[in-house]
Amino acid sequence: MDSYNAPSTKPLFRGTQVVWYILGVIEALLAFRFVLKLMGANPSAGFTNFIYALSHPFAAPFSAVFQTSSVSGSVFEWTTILAMFVYWIVAFAIIKVFVMSKAVSTPEAAEKLSNQE
């Protein structure tokens, strides 16, 4: 049985899709947050408040890393950029773990090993 038809391939593929989807949602929320802050959006407006409330748990761990830069109500939130980068790295690492757990045949493993030399 080749590695493409192994029983574990389809669940691994679905797992990678789930990880990329979750990352996409988090990245979209953080991107909205970044743009709204940058453009000086009214924080008491419904949409703005909604985005800030949803994105806060993802941005909060990074809030003390950098100071924010603000000019005339516009805020450049470096911490949101950092959060987006860190979540992308984490998702990429999880995907790599999924790919490493994929079944491989002995010839395929030998070929990939020789390519790493």
PDB file of N, CA and C in Angstrom:
ATOM      1  N   MET A   1       0.853  -1.184   0.000  1.00  0.00           N
ATOM      2  CA  MET A   1       0.000   0.000   0.000  1.00  0.00           C
ATOM      3  C   MET A   1       0.897   1.245   0.000  1.00  0.00           C
ATOM      4  N   ASP A   2       0.699   2.116  -0.960  1.00  0.00           N
ATOM      5  CA  ASP A   2       1.507   3.330  -0.986  1.00  0.00           C
ATOM      6  C   ASP A   2       1.005   4.327   0.055  1.00  0.00           C
ATOM      7  N   SER A   3       1.841   5.305   0.380  1.00  0.00           N
ATOM      8  CA  SER A   3       1.525   6.249   1.460  1.00  0.00           C
ATOM      9  C   SER A   3       0.341   7.156   1.129  1.00  0.00           C
ATOM     10  N   TYR A   4       0.017   7.303  -0.170  1.00  0.00           N
ATOM     11  CA  TYR A   4      -1.107   8.159  -0.540  1.00  0.00           C
ATOM     12  C   TYR A   4      -2.451   7.491  -0.242  1.00  0.00           C
ATOM     13  N   ASN A   5      -2.456   6.154  -0.189  1.00  0.00           N
ATOM     14  CA  ASN A   5      -3.680   5.421   0.085  1.00  0.00           C
ATOM     15  C   ASN A   5      -3.725   4.855   1.498  1.00  0.00           C
ATOM     16  N   ALA A   6      -2.789   5.240   2.333  1.00  0.00           N
ATOM     17  CA  ALA A   6      -2.767   4.756   3.715  1.00  0.00           C
ATOM     18  C   ALA A   6      -4.014   5.246   4.439  1.00  0.00           C
ATOM     19  N   PRO A   7      -4.541   4.437   5.369  1.00  0.00           N
ATOM     20  CA  PRO A   7      -5.758   4.832   6.087  1.00  0.00           C
ATOM     21  C   PRO A   7      -5.598   6.128   6.885  1.00  0.00           C
ATOM     22  N   SER A   8      -4.390   6.481   7.228  1.00  0.00           N
ATOM     23  CA  SER A   8      -4.185   7.687   8.043  1.00  0.00           C
ATOM     24  C   SER A   8      -4.098   8.971   7.219  1.00  0.00           C
ATOM     25  N   THR A   9      -4.026   8.855   5.899  1.00  0.00           N
ATOM     26  CA  THR A   9      -3.833  10.043   5.070  1.00  0.00           C
ATOM     27  C   THR A   9      -5.026  10.989   5.094  1.00  0.00           C
ATOM     28  N   LYS A  10      -6.240  10.468   4.949  1.00  0.00           N
ATOM     29  CA  LYS A  10      -7.423  11.330   4.900  1.00  0.00           C
ATOM     30  C   LYS A  10      -7.636  12.085   6.220  1.00  0.00           C
ATOM     31  N   PRO A  11      -7.565  11.426   7.397  1.00  0.00           N
ATOM     32  CA  PRO A  11      -7.718  12.186   8.650  1.00  0.00           C
ATOM     33  C   PRO A  11      -6.623  13.246   8.835  1.00  0.00           C
ATOM     34  N   LEU A  12      -5.410  12.943   8.396  1.00  0.00           N
ATOM     35  CA  LEU A  12      -4.332  13.934   8.489  1.00  0.00           C
ATOM     36  C   LEU A  12      -4.630  15.131   7.606  1.00  0.00           C
ATOM     37  N   PHE A  13      -5.141  14.874   6.411  1.00  0.00           N
ATOM     38  CA  PHE A  13      -5.511  15.957   5.509  1.00  0.00           C
ATOM     39  C   PHE A  13      -6.608  16.812   6.134  1.00  0.00           C
ATOM     40  N   ARG A  14      -7.631  16.170   6.697  1.00  0.00           N
ATOM     41  CA  ARG A  14      -8.713  16.909   7.352  1.00  0.00           C
ATOM     42  C   ARG A  14      -8.170  17.705   8.532  1.00  0.00           C
ATOM     43  N   GLY A  15      -7.255  17.116   9.275  1.00  0.00           N
ATOM     44  CA  GLY A  15      -6.647  17.822  10.407  1.00  0.00           C
ATOM     45  C   GLY A  15      -5.912  19.074   9.965  1.00  0.00           C
ATOM     46  N   THR A  16      -5.186  18.975   8.856  1.00  0.00           N
ATOM     47  CA  THR A  16      -4.473  20.154   8.350  1.00  0.00           C
ATOM     48  C   THR A  16      -5.458  21.217   7.893  1.00  0.00           C
ATOM     49  N   GLN A  17      -6.579  20.775   7.269  1.00  0.00           N
ATOM     50  CA  GLN A  17      -7.600  21.739   6.859  1.00  0.00           C
ATOM     51  C   GLN A  17      -8.186  22.469   8.061  1.00  0.00           C
ATOM     52  N   VAL A  18      -8.440  21.747   9.139  1.00  0.00           N
ATOM     53  CA  VAL A  18      -8.998  22.361  10.353  1.00  0.00           C
ATOM     54  C   VAL A  18      -8.017  23.377  10.926  1.00  0.00           C
ATOM     55  N   VAL A  19      -6.740  23.014  10.990  1.00  0.00           N
ATOM     56  CA  VAL A  19      -5.730  23.934  11.532  1.00  0.00           C
ATOM     57  C   VAL A  19      -5.659  25.200  10.678  1.00  0.00           C
ATOM     58  N   TRP A  20      -5.616  25.055   9.353  1.00  0.00           N
ATOM     59  CA  TRP A  20      -5.546  26.233   8.476  1.00  0.00           C
ATOM     60  C   TRP A  20      -6.807  27.087   8.598  1.00  0.00           C
ATOM     61  N   TYR A  21      -7.967  26.433   8.769  1.00  0.00           N
ATOM     62  CA  TYR A  21      -9.215  27.185   8.917  1.00  0.00           C
ATOM     63  C   TYR A  21      -9.211  27.998  10.205  1.00  0.00           C
ATOM     64  N   ILE A  22      -8.824  27.359  11.304  1.00  0.00           N
ATOM     65  CA  ILE A  22      -8.765  28.061  12.594  1.00  0.00           C
ATOM     66  C   ILE A  22      -7.781  29.219  12.512  1.00  0.00           C
ATOM     67  N   LEU A  23      -6.625  28.972  11.903  1.00  0.00           N
ATOM     68  CA  LEU A  23      -5.641  30.047  11.737  1.00  0.00           C
ATOM     69  C   LEU A  23      -6.236  31.181  10.918  1.00  0.00           C
ATOM     70  N   GLY A  24      -6.956  30.858   9.853  1.00  0.00           N
ATOM     71  CA  GLY A  24      -7.559  31.886   9.009  1.00  0.00           C
ATOM     72  C   GLY A  24      -8.535  32.762   9.780  1.00  0.00           C
ATOM     73  N   VAL A  25      -9.342  32.143  10.628  1.00  0.00           N
ATOM     74  CA  VAL A  25     -10.302  32.904  11.439  1.00  0.00           C
ATOM     75  C   VAL A  25      -9.563  33.826  12.408  1.00  0.00           C
ATOM     76  N   ILE A  26      -8.559  33.279  13.094  1.00  0.00           N
ATOM     77  CA  ILE A  26      -7.786  34.091  14.053  1.00  0.00           C
ATOM     78  C   ILE A  26      -7.073  35.234  13.339  1.00  0.00           C
ATOM     79  N   GLU A  27      -6.450  34.929  12.205  1.00  0.00           N
ATOM     80  CA  GLU A  27      -5.727  35.958  11.454  1.00  0.00           C
ATOM     81  C   GLU A  27      -6.684  37.045  10.960  1.00  0.00           C
ATOM     82  N   ALA A  28      -7.882  36.652  10.504  1.00  0.00           N
ATOM     83  CA  ALA A  28      -8.858  37.634  10.032  1.00  0.00           C
ATOM     84  C   ALA A  28      -9.298  38.547  11.178  1.00  0.00           C
ATOM     85  N   LEU A  29      -9.576  37.974  12.333  1.00  0.00           N
ATOM     86  CA  LEU A  29      -9.966  38.790  13.492  1.00  0.00           C
ATOM     87  C   LEU A  29      -8.858  39.770  13.869  1.00  0.00           C
ATOM     88  N   LEU A  30      -7.624  39.263  13.907  1.00  0.00           N
ATOM     89  CA  LEU A  30      -6.498  40.141  14.268  1.00  0.00           C
ATOM     90  C   LEU A  30      -6.247  41.195  13.194  1.00  0.00           C
ATOM     91  N   ALA A  31      -6.443  40.853  11.938  1.00  0.00           N
ATOM     92  CA  ALA A  31      -6.267  41.835  10.862  1.00  0.00           C
ATOM     93  C   ALA A  31      -7.323  42.936  10.964  1.00  0.00           C
ATOM     94  N   PHE A  32      -8.585  42.541  11.220  1.00  0.00           N
ATOM     95  CA  PHE A  32      -9.630  43.543  11.432  1.00  0.00           C
ATOM     96  C   PHE A  32      -9.275  44.442  12.606  1.00  0.00           C
ATOM     97  N   ARG A  33      -8.809  43.829  13.696  1.00  0.00           N
ATOM     98  CA  ARG A  33      -8.427  44.593  14.886  1.00  0.00           C
ATOM     99  C   ARG A  33      -7.350  45.614  14.531  1.00  0.00           C
ATOM    100  N   PHE A  34      -6.319  45.148  13.823  1.00  0.00           N
ATOM    101  CA  PHE A  34      -5.202  46.006  13.455  1.00  0.00           C
ATOM    102  C   PHE A  34      -5.668  47.192  12.617  1.00  0.00           C
ATOM    103  N   VAL A  35      -6.472  46.912  11.599  1.00  0.00           N
ATOM    104  CA  VAL A  35      -6.931  47.970  10.690  1.00  0.00           C
ATOM    105  C   VAL A  35      -7.860  48.946  11.417  1.00  0.00           C
ATOM    106  N   LEU A  36      -8.767  48.427  12.238  1.00  0.00           N
ATOM    107  CA  LEU A  36      -9.676  49.307  12.978  1.00  0.00           C
ATOM    108  C   LEU A  36      -8.911  50.228  13.924  1.00  0.00           C
ATOM    109  N   LYS A  37      -7.920  49.689  14.618  1.00  0.00           N
ATOM    110  CA  LYS A  37      -7.104  50.524  15.516  1.00  0.00           C
ATOM    111  C   LYS A  37      -6.299  51.535  14.717  1.00  0.00           C
ATOM    112  N   LEU A  38      -5.739  51.086  13.602  1.00  0.00           N
ATOM    113  CA  LEU A  38      -4.915  51.959  12.766  1.00  0.00           C
ATOM    114  C   LEU A  38      -5.731  53.123  12.212  1.00  0.00           C
ATOM    115  N   MET A  39      -6.979  52.862  11.875  1.00  0.00           N
ATOM    116  CA  MET A  39      -7.815  53.902  11.291  1.00  0.00           C
ATOM    117  C   MET A  39      -8.579  54.700  12.348  1.00  0.00           C
ATOM    118  N   GLY A  40      -8.320  54.410  13.613  1.00  0.00           N
ATOM    119  CA  GLY A  40      -8.951  55.172  14.687  1.00  0.00           C
ATOM    120  C   GLY A  40     -10.446  54.941  14.795  1.00  0.00           C
ATOM    121  N   ALA A  41     -10.892  53.715  14.574  1.00  0.00           N
ATOM    122  CA  ALA A  41     -12.323  53.397  14.630  1.00  0.00           C
ATOM    123  C   ALA A  41     -12.874  53.654  16.032  1.00  0.00           C
ATOM    124  N   ASN A  42     -14.127  54.051  16.085  1.00  0.00           N
ATOM    125  CA  ASN A  42     -14.804  54.323  17.350  1.00  0.00           C
ATOM    126  C   ASN A  42     -14.993  53.005  18.105  1.00  0.00           C
ATOM    127  N   PRO A  43     -14.345  52.848  19.283  1.00  0.00           N
ATOM    128  CA  PRO A  43     -14.435  51.579  20.010  1.00  0.00           C
ATOM    129  C   PRO A  43     -15.824  51.278  20.563  1.00  0.00           C
ATOM    130  N   SER A  44     -16.693  52.272  20.654  1.00  0.00           N
ATOM    131  CA  SER A  44     -18.040  52.008  21.153  1.00  0.00           C
ATOM    132  C   SER A  44     -19.020  51.655  20.027  1.00  0.00           C
ATOM    133  N   ALA A  45     -18.573  51.723  18.782  1.00  0.00           N
ATOM    134  CA  ALA A  45     -19.420  51.293  17.660  1.00  0.00           C
ATOM    135  C   ALA A  45     -19.596  49.776  17.746  1.00  0.00           C
ATOM    136  N   GLY A  46     -20.755  49.283  17.384  1.00  0.00           N
ATOM    137  CA  GLY A  46     -21.075  47.873  17.533  1.00  0.00           C
ATOM    138  C   GLY A  46     -20.084  46.920  16.887  1.00  0.00           C
ATOM    139  N   PHE A  47     -19.785  47.145  15.602  1.00  0.00           N
ATOM    140  CA  PHE A  47     -18.867  46.255  14.897  1.00  0.00           C
ATOM    141  C   PHE A  47     -17.468  46.309  15.501  1.00  0.00           C
ATOM    142  N   THR A  48     -17.000  47.506  15.767  1.00  0.00           N
ATOM    143  CA  THR A  48     -15.661  47.669  16.333  1.00  0.00           C
ATOM    144  C   THR A  48     -15.567  46.979  17.689  1.00  0.00           C
ATOM    145  N   ASN A  49     -16.553  47.206  18.524  1.00  0.00           N
ATOM    146  CA  ASN A  49     -16.579  46.581  19.850  1.00  0.00           C
ATOM    147  C   ASN A  49     -16.611  45.059  19.720  1.00  0.00           C
ATOM    148  N   PHE A  50     -17.392  44.543  18.774  1.00  0.00           N
ATOM    149  CA  PHE A  50     -17.492  43.105  18.532  1.00  0.00           C
ATOM    150  C   PHE A  50     -16.127  42.527  18.140  1.00  0.00           C
ATOM    151  N   ILE A  51     -15.455  43.178  17.205  1.00  0.00           N
ATOM    152  CA  ILE A  51     -14.139  42.703  16.751  1.00  0.00           C
ATOM    153  C   ILE A  51     -13.123  42.771  17.890  1.00  0.00           C
ATOM    154  N   TYR A  52     -13.112  43.862  18.643  1.00  0.00           N
ATOM    155  CA  TYR A  52     -12.178  43.982  19.759  1.00  0.00           C
ATOM    156  C   TYR A  52     -12.433  42.905  20.806  1.00  0.00           C
ATOM    157  N   ALA A  53     -13.705  42.606  21.086  1.00  0.00           N
ATOM    158  CA  ALA A  53     -14.039  41.588  22.089  1.00  0.00           C
ATOM    159  C   ALA A  53     -13.612  40.192  21.618  1.00  0.00           C
ATOM    160  N   LEU A  54     -13.843  39.894  20.345  1.00  0.00           N
ATOM    161  CA  LEU A  54     -13.461  38.575  19.824  1.00  0.00           C
ATOM    162  C   LEU A  54     -11.951  38.408  19.690  1.00  0.00           C
ATOM    163  N   SER A  55     -11.267  39.469  19.318  1.00  0.00           N
ATOM    164  CA  SER A  55      -9.824  39.361  19.075  1.00  0.00           C
ATOM    165  C   SER A  55      -8.991  39.537  20.337  1.00  0.00           C
ATOM    166  N   HIS A  56      -9.567  40.101  21.372  1.00  0.00           N
ATOM    167  CA  HIS A  56      -8.807  40.367  22.603  1.00  0.00           C
ATOM    168  C   HIS A  56      -8.120  39.125  23.177  1.00  0.00           C
ATOM    169  N   PRO A  57      -8.808  37.975  23.288  1.00  0.00           N
ATOM    170  CA  PRO A  57      -8.121  36.800  23.856  1.00  0.00           C
ATOM    171  C   PRO A  57      -6.897  36.366  23.053  1.00  0.00           C
ATOM    172  N   PHE A  58      -6.887  36.650  21.757  1.00  0.00           N
ATOM    173  CA  PHE A  58      -5.751  36.257  20.923  1.00  0.00           C
ATOM    174  C   PHE A  58      -4.636  37.301  20.950  1.00  0.00           C
ATOM    175  N   ALA A  59      -4.982  38.549  21.178  1.00  0.00           N
ATOM    176  CA  ALA A  59      -3.985  39.624  21.224  1.00  0.00           C
ATOM    177  C   ALA A  59      -3.421  39.821  22.628  1.00  0.00           C
ATOM    178  N   ALA A  60      -4.201  39.488  23.645  1.00  0.00           N
ATOM    179  CA  ALA A  60      -3.814  39.763  25.044  1.00  0.00           C
ATOM    180  C   ALA A  60      -2.463  39.181  25.463  1.00  0.00           C
ATOM    181  N   PRO A  61      -2.111  37.946  25.092  1.00  0.00           N
ATOM    182  CA  PRO A  61      -0.816  37.415  25.540  1.00  0.00           C
ATOM    183  C   PRO A  61       0.387  38.228  25.057  1.00  0.00           C
ATOM    184  N   PHE A  62       0.192  39.048  24.055  1.00  0.00           N
ATOM    185  CA  PHE A  62       1.291  39.814  23.470  1.00  0.00           C
ATOM    186  C   PHE A  62       1.234  41.298  23.833  1.00  0.00           C
ATOM    187  N   SER A  63       0.264  41.696  24.624  1.00  0.00           N
ATOM    188  CA  SER A  63      -0.004  43.118  24.867  1.00  0.00           C
ATOM    189  C   SER A  63       1.134  43.873  25.534  1.00  0.00           C
ATOM    190  N   ALA A  64       1.965  43.205  26.303  1.00  0.00           N
ATOM    191  CA  ALA A  64       3.040  43.903  27.008  1.00  0.00           C
ATOM    192  C   ALA A  64       4.382  43.831  26.275  1.00  0.00           C
ATOM    193  N   VAL A  65       4.417  43.210  25.130  1.00  0.00           N
ATOM    194  CA  VAL A  65       5.691  43.025  24.424  1.00  0.00           C
ATOM    195  C   VAL A  65       6.215  44.340  23.865  1.00  0.00           C
ATOM    196  N   PHE A  66       5.380  45.093  23.176  1.00  0.00           N
ATOM    197  CA  PHE A  66       5.765  46.366  22.575  1.00  0.00           C
ATOM    198  C   PHE A  66       4.824  47.464  23.048  1.00  0.00           C
ATOM    199  N   GLN A  67       5.293  48.677  22.978  1.00  0.00           N
ATOM    200  CA  GLN A  67       4.405  49.804  23.216  1.00  0.00           C
ATOM    201  C   GLN A  67       3.661  50.100  21.926  1.00  0.00           C
ATOM    202  N   THR A  68       2.454  50.624  22.064  1.00  0.00           N
ATOM    203  CA  THR A  68       1.704  50.997  20.867  1.00  0.00           C
ATOM    204  C   THR A  68       2.135  52.375  20.410  1.00  0.00           C
ATOM    205  N   SER A  69       2.098  52.576  19.123  1.00  0.00           N
ATOM    206  CA  SER A  69       2.404  53.877  18.537  1.00  0.00           C
ATOM    207  C   SER A  69       1.083  54.517  18.137  1.00  0.00           C
ATOM    208  N   SER A  70       0.828  55.728  18.618  1.00  0.00           N
ATOM    209  CA  SER A  70      -0.435  56.365  18.254  1.00  0.00           C
ATOM    210  C   SER A  70      -0.216  57.810  17.810  1.00  0.00           C
ATOM    211  N   VAL A  71      -1.023  58.207  16.834  1.00  0.00           N
ATOM    212  CA  VAL A  71      -1.004  59.555  16.299  1.00  0.00           C
ATOM    213  C   VAL A  71      -2.447  59.943  15.987  1.00  0.00           C
ATOM    214  N   SER A  72      -2.927  60.989  16.612  1.00  0.00           N
ATOM    215  CA  SER A  72      -4.271  61.526  16.352  1.00  0.00           C
ATOM    216  C   SER A  72      -5.375  60.465  16.360  1.00  0.00           C
ATOM    217  N   GLY A  73      -5.372  59.601  17.353  1.00  0.00           N
ATOM    218  CA  GLY A  73      -6.411  58.588  17.473  1.00  0.00           C
ATOM    219  C   GLY A  73      -6.141  57.301  16.720  1.00  0.00           C
ATOM    220  N   SER A  74      -5.166  57.324  15.818  1.00  0.00           N
ATOM    221  CA  SER A  74      -4.786  56.109  15.100  1.00  0.00           C
ATOM    222  C   SER A  74      -3.726  55.371  15.910  1.00  0.00           C
ATOM    223  N   VAL A  75      -3.895  54.073  16.035  1.00  0.00           N
ATOM    224  CA  VAL A  75      -2.969  53.269  16.842  1.00  0.00           C
ATOM    225  C   VAL A  75      -2.348  52.201  15.956  1.00  0.00           C
ATOM    226  N   PHE A  76      -1.017  52.183  15.934  1.00  0.00           N
ATOM    227  CA  PHE A  76      -0.301  51.104  15.247  1.00  0.00           C
ATOM    228  C   PHE A  76       0.049  50.092  16.315  1.00  0.00           C
ATOM    229  N   GLU A  77      -0.671  48.980  16.326  1.00  0.00           N
ATOM    230  CA  GLU A  77      -0.524  47.985  17.379  1.00  0.00           C
ATOM    231  C   GLU A  77       0.469  46.905  16.948  1.00  0.00           C
ATOM    232  N   TRP A  78       1.719  47.109  17.314  1.00  0.00           N
ATOM    233  CA  TRP A  78       2.776  46.156  16.980  1.00  0.00           C
ATOM    234  C   TRP A  78       2.468  44.774  17.553  1.00  0.00           C
ATOM    235  N   THR A  79       1.821  44.755  18.710  1.00  0.00           N
ATOM    236  CA  THR A  79       1.531  43.479  19.360  1.00  0.00           C
ATOM    237  C   THR A  79       0.581  42.616  18.525  1.00  0.00           C
ATOM    238  N   THR A  80      -0.317  43.249  17.797  1.00  0.00           N
ATOM    239  CA  THR A  80      -1.235  42.481  16.941  1.00  0.00           C
ATOM    240  C   THR A  80      -0.472  41.853  15.781  1.00  0.00           C
ATOM    241  N   ILE A  81       0.475  42.578  15.229  1.00  0.00           N
ATOM    242  CA  ILE A  81       1.320  42.028  14.158  1.00  0.00           C
ATOM    243  C   ILE A  81       2.122  40.847  14.699  1.00  0.00           C
ATOM    244  N   LEU A  82       2.682  41.003  15.886  1.00  0.00           N
ATOM    245  CA  LEU A  82       3.430  39.912  16.515  1.00  0.00           C
ATOM    246  C   LEU A  82       2.525  38.701  16.736  1.00  0.00           C
ATOM    247  N   ALA A  83       1.324  38.928  17.249  1.00  0.00           N
ATOM    248  CA  ALA A  83       0.377  37.831  17.489  1.00  0.00           C
ATOM    249  C   ALA A  83       0.077  37.086  16.191  1.00  0.00           C
ATOM    250  N   MET A  84      -0.160  37.823  15.121  1.00  0.00           N
ATOM    251  CA  MET A  84      -0.456  37.194  13.832  1.00  0.00           C
ATOM    252  C   MET A  84       0.711  36.314  13.379  1.00  0.00           C
ATOM    253  N   PHE A  85       1.910  36.814  13.552  1.00  0.00           N
ATOM    254  CA  PHE A  85       3.102  36.058  13.161  1.00  0.00           C
ATOM    255  C   PHE A  85       3.261  34.804  14.022  1.00  0.00           C
ATOM    256  N   VAL A  86       3.097  34.939  15.329  1.00  0.00           N
ATOM    257  CA  VAL A  86       3.266  33.804  16.240  1.00  0.00           C
ATOM    258  C   VAL A  86       2.214  32.730  15.960  1.00  0.00           C
ATOM    259  N   TYR A  87       0.952  33.122  15.762  1.00  0.00           N
ATOM    260  CA  TYR A  87      -0.083  32.129  15.474  1.00  0.00           C
ATOM    261  C   TYR A  87       0.172  31.428  14.150  1.00  0.00           C
ATOM    262  N   TRP A  88       0.726  32.122  13.180  1.00  0.00           N
ATOM    263  CA  TRP A  88       1.062  31.487  11.914  1.00  0.00           C
ATOM    264  C   TRP A  88       2.168  30.449  12.117  1.00  0.00           C
ATOM    265  N   ILE A  89       3.186  30.805  12.901  1.00  0.00           N
ATOM    266  CA  ILE A  89       4.283  29.868  13.183  1.00  0.00           C
ATOM    267  C   ILE A  89       3.755  28.635  13.910  1.00  0.00           C
ATOM    268  N   VAL A  90       2.885  28.825  14.889  1.00  0.00           N
ATOM    269  CA  VAL A  90       2.313  27.698  15.645  1.00  0.00           C
ATOM    270  C   VAL A  90       1.509  26.795  14.714  1.00  0.00           C
ATOM    271  N   ALA A  91       0.673  27.373  13.868  1.00  0.00           N
ATOM    272  CA  ALA A  91      -0.119  26.567  12.925  1.00  0.00           C
ATOM    273  C   ALA A  91       0.792  25.800  11.973  1.00  0.00           C
ATOM    274  N   PHE A  92       1.826  26.464  11.485  1.00  0.00           N
ATOM    275  CA  PHE A  92       2.772  25.814  10.577  1.00  0.00           C
ATOM    276  C   PHE A  92       3.452  24.634  11.277  1.00  0.00           C
ATOM    277  N   ALA A  93       3.827  24.800  12.538  1.00  0.00           N
ATOM    278  CA  ALA A  93       4.470  23.724  13.302  1.00  0.00           C
ATOM    279  C   ALA A  93       3.512  22.552  13.512  1.00  0.00           C
ATOM    280  N   ILE A  94       2.251  22.846  13.798  1.00  0.00           N
ATOM    281  CA  ILE A  94       1.257  21.780  13.966  1.00  0.00           C
ATOM    282  C   ILE A  94       1.071  21.008  12.662  1.00  0.00           C
ATOM    283  N   ILE A  95       1.018  21.723  11.555  1.00  0.00           N
ATOM    284  CA  ILE A  95       0.885  21.078  10.246  1.00  0.00           C
ATOM    285  C   ILE A  95       2.086  20.169   9.981  1.00  0.00           C
ATOM    286  N   LYS A  96       3.274  20.646  10.321  1.00  0.00           N
ATOM    287  CA  LYS A  96       4.484  19.836  10.132  1.00  0.00           C
ATOM    288  C   LYS A  96       4.419  18.549  10.943  1.00  0.00           C
ATOM    289  N   VAL A  97       3.892  18.616  12.164  1.00  0.00           N
ATOM    290  CA  VAL A  97       3.740  17.418  12.988  1.00  0.00           C
ATOM    291  C   VAL A  97       2.767  16.448  12.320  1.00  0.00           C
ATOM    292  N   PHE A  98       1.667  16.973  11.782  1.00  0.00           N
ATOM    293  CA  PHE A  98       0.710  16.122  11.062  1.00  0.00           C
ATOM    294  C   PHE A  98       1.390  15.439   9.881  1.00  0.00           C
ATOM    295  N   VAL A  99       2.141  16.195   9.118  1.00  0.00           N
ATOM    296  CA  VAL A  99       2.801  15.647   7.934  1.00  0.00           C
ATOM    297  C   VAL A  99       3.839  14.603   8.337  1.00  0.00           C
ATOM    298  N   MET A 100       4.556  14.844   9.432  1.00  0.00           N
ATOM    299  CA  MET A 100       5.550  13.873   9.885  1.00  0.00           C
ATOM    300  C   MET A 100       4.916  12.565  10.336  1.00  0.00           C
ATOM    301  N   SER A 101       3.653  12.605  10.772  1.00  0.00           N
ATOM    302  CA  SER A 101       3.001  11.389  11.241  1.00  0.00           C
ATOM    303  C   SER A 101       2.358  10.587  10.109  1.00  0.00           C
ATOM    304  N   LYS A 102       2.451  11.098   8.879  1.00  0.00           N
ATOM    305  CA  LYS A 102       1.894  10.396   7.721  1.00  0.00           C
ATOM    306  C   LYS A 102       2.708   9.136   7.450  1.00  0.00           C
ATOM    307  N   ALA A 103       2.009   8.053   7.128  1.00  0.00           N
ATOM    308  CA  ALA A 103       2.681   6.795   6.810  1.00  0.00           C
ATOM    309  C   ALA A 103       3.500   6.956   5.529  1.00  0.00           C
ATOM    310  N   VAL A 104       4.683   6.381   5.520  1.00  0.00           N
ATOM    311  CA  VAL A 104       5.527   6.395   4.326  1.00  0.00           C
ATOM    312  C   VAL A 104       6.051   4.991   4.079  1.00  0.00           C
ATOM    313  N   SER A 105       6.258   4.675   2.841  1.00  0.00           N
ATOM    314  CA  SER A 105       6.832   3.377   2.487  1.00  0.00           C
ATOM    315  C   SER A 105       8.347   3.446   2.686  1.00  0.00           C
ATOM    316  N   THR A 106       8.971   2.284   2.774  1.00  0.00           N
ATOM    317  CA  THR A 106      10.422   2.242   2.960  1.00  0.00           C
ATOM    318  C   THR A 106      11.163   2.898   1.800  1.00  0.00           C
ATOM    319  N   PRO A 107      10.794   2.628   0.540  1.00  0.00           N
ATOM    320  CA  PRO A 107      11.496   3.310  -0.563  1.00  0.00           C
ATOM    321  C   PRO A 107      11.313   4.833  -0.523  1.00  0.00           C
ATOM    322  N   GLU A 108      10.099   5.270  -0.175  1.00  0.00           N
ATOM    323  CA  GLU A 108       9.847   6.708  -0.093  1.00  0.00           C
ATOM    324  C   GLU A 108      10.688   7.346   1.019  1.00  0.00           C
ATOM    325  N   ALA A 109      10.774   6.666   2.164  1.00  0.00           N
ATOM    326  CA  ALA A 109      11.578   7.175   3.284  1.00  0.00           C
ATOM    327  C   ALA A 109      13.054   7.228   2.896  1.00  0.00           C
ATOM    328  N   ALA A 110      13.532   6.187   2.217  1.00  0.00           N
ATOM    329  CA  ALA A 110      14.934   6.157   1.795  1.00  0.00           C
ATOM    330  C   ALA A 110      15.238   7.287   0.828  1.00  0.00           C
ATOM    331  N   GLU A 111      14.324   7.528  -0.102  1.00  0.00           N
ATOM    332  CA  GLU A 111      14.531   8.601  -1.083  1.00  0.00           C
ATOM    333  C   GLU A 111      14.562   9.967  -0.390  1.00  0.00           C
ATOM    334  N   LYS A 112      13.618  10.200   0.523  1.00  0.00           N
ATOM    335  CA  LYS A 112      13.563  11.490   1.220  1.00  0.00           C
ATOM    336  C   LYS A 112      14.787  11.683   2.113  1.00  0.00           C
ATOM    337  N   LEU A 113      15.256  10.598   2.732  1.00  0.00           N
ATOM    338  CA  LEU A 113      16.452  10.685   3.559  1.00  0.00           C
ATOM    339  C   LEU A 113      17.676  11.035   2.718  1.00  0.00           C
ATOM    340  N   SER A 114      17.803  10.405   1.558  1.00  0.00           N
ATOM    341  CA  SER A 114      18.958  10.698   0.703  1.00  0.00           C
ATOM    342  C   SER A 114      18.914  12.120   0.169  1.00  0.00           C
ATOM    343  N   ASN A 115      17.712  12.684  -0.014  1.00  0.00           N
ATOM    344  CA  ASN A 115      17.579  14.068  -0.460  1.00  0.00           C
ATOM    345  C   ASN A 115      17.965  15.056   0.620  1.00  0.00           C
ATOM    346  N   GLN A 116      17.930  14.637   1.876  1.00  0.00           N
ATOM    347  CA  GLN A 116      18.280  15.538   2.992  1.00  0.00           C
ATOM    348  C   GLN A 116      19.793  15.629   3.192  1.00  0.00           C
ATOM    349  N   GLU A 117      20.532  14.716   2.603  1.00  0.00           N
ATOM    350  CA  GLU A 117      21.995  14.719   2.794  1.00  0.00           C
ATOM    351  C   GLU A 117      22.672  15.807   2.057  1.00  0.00           C
TER     352      GLU A 117
END
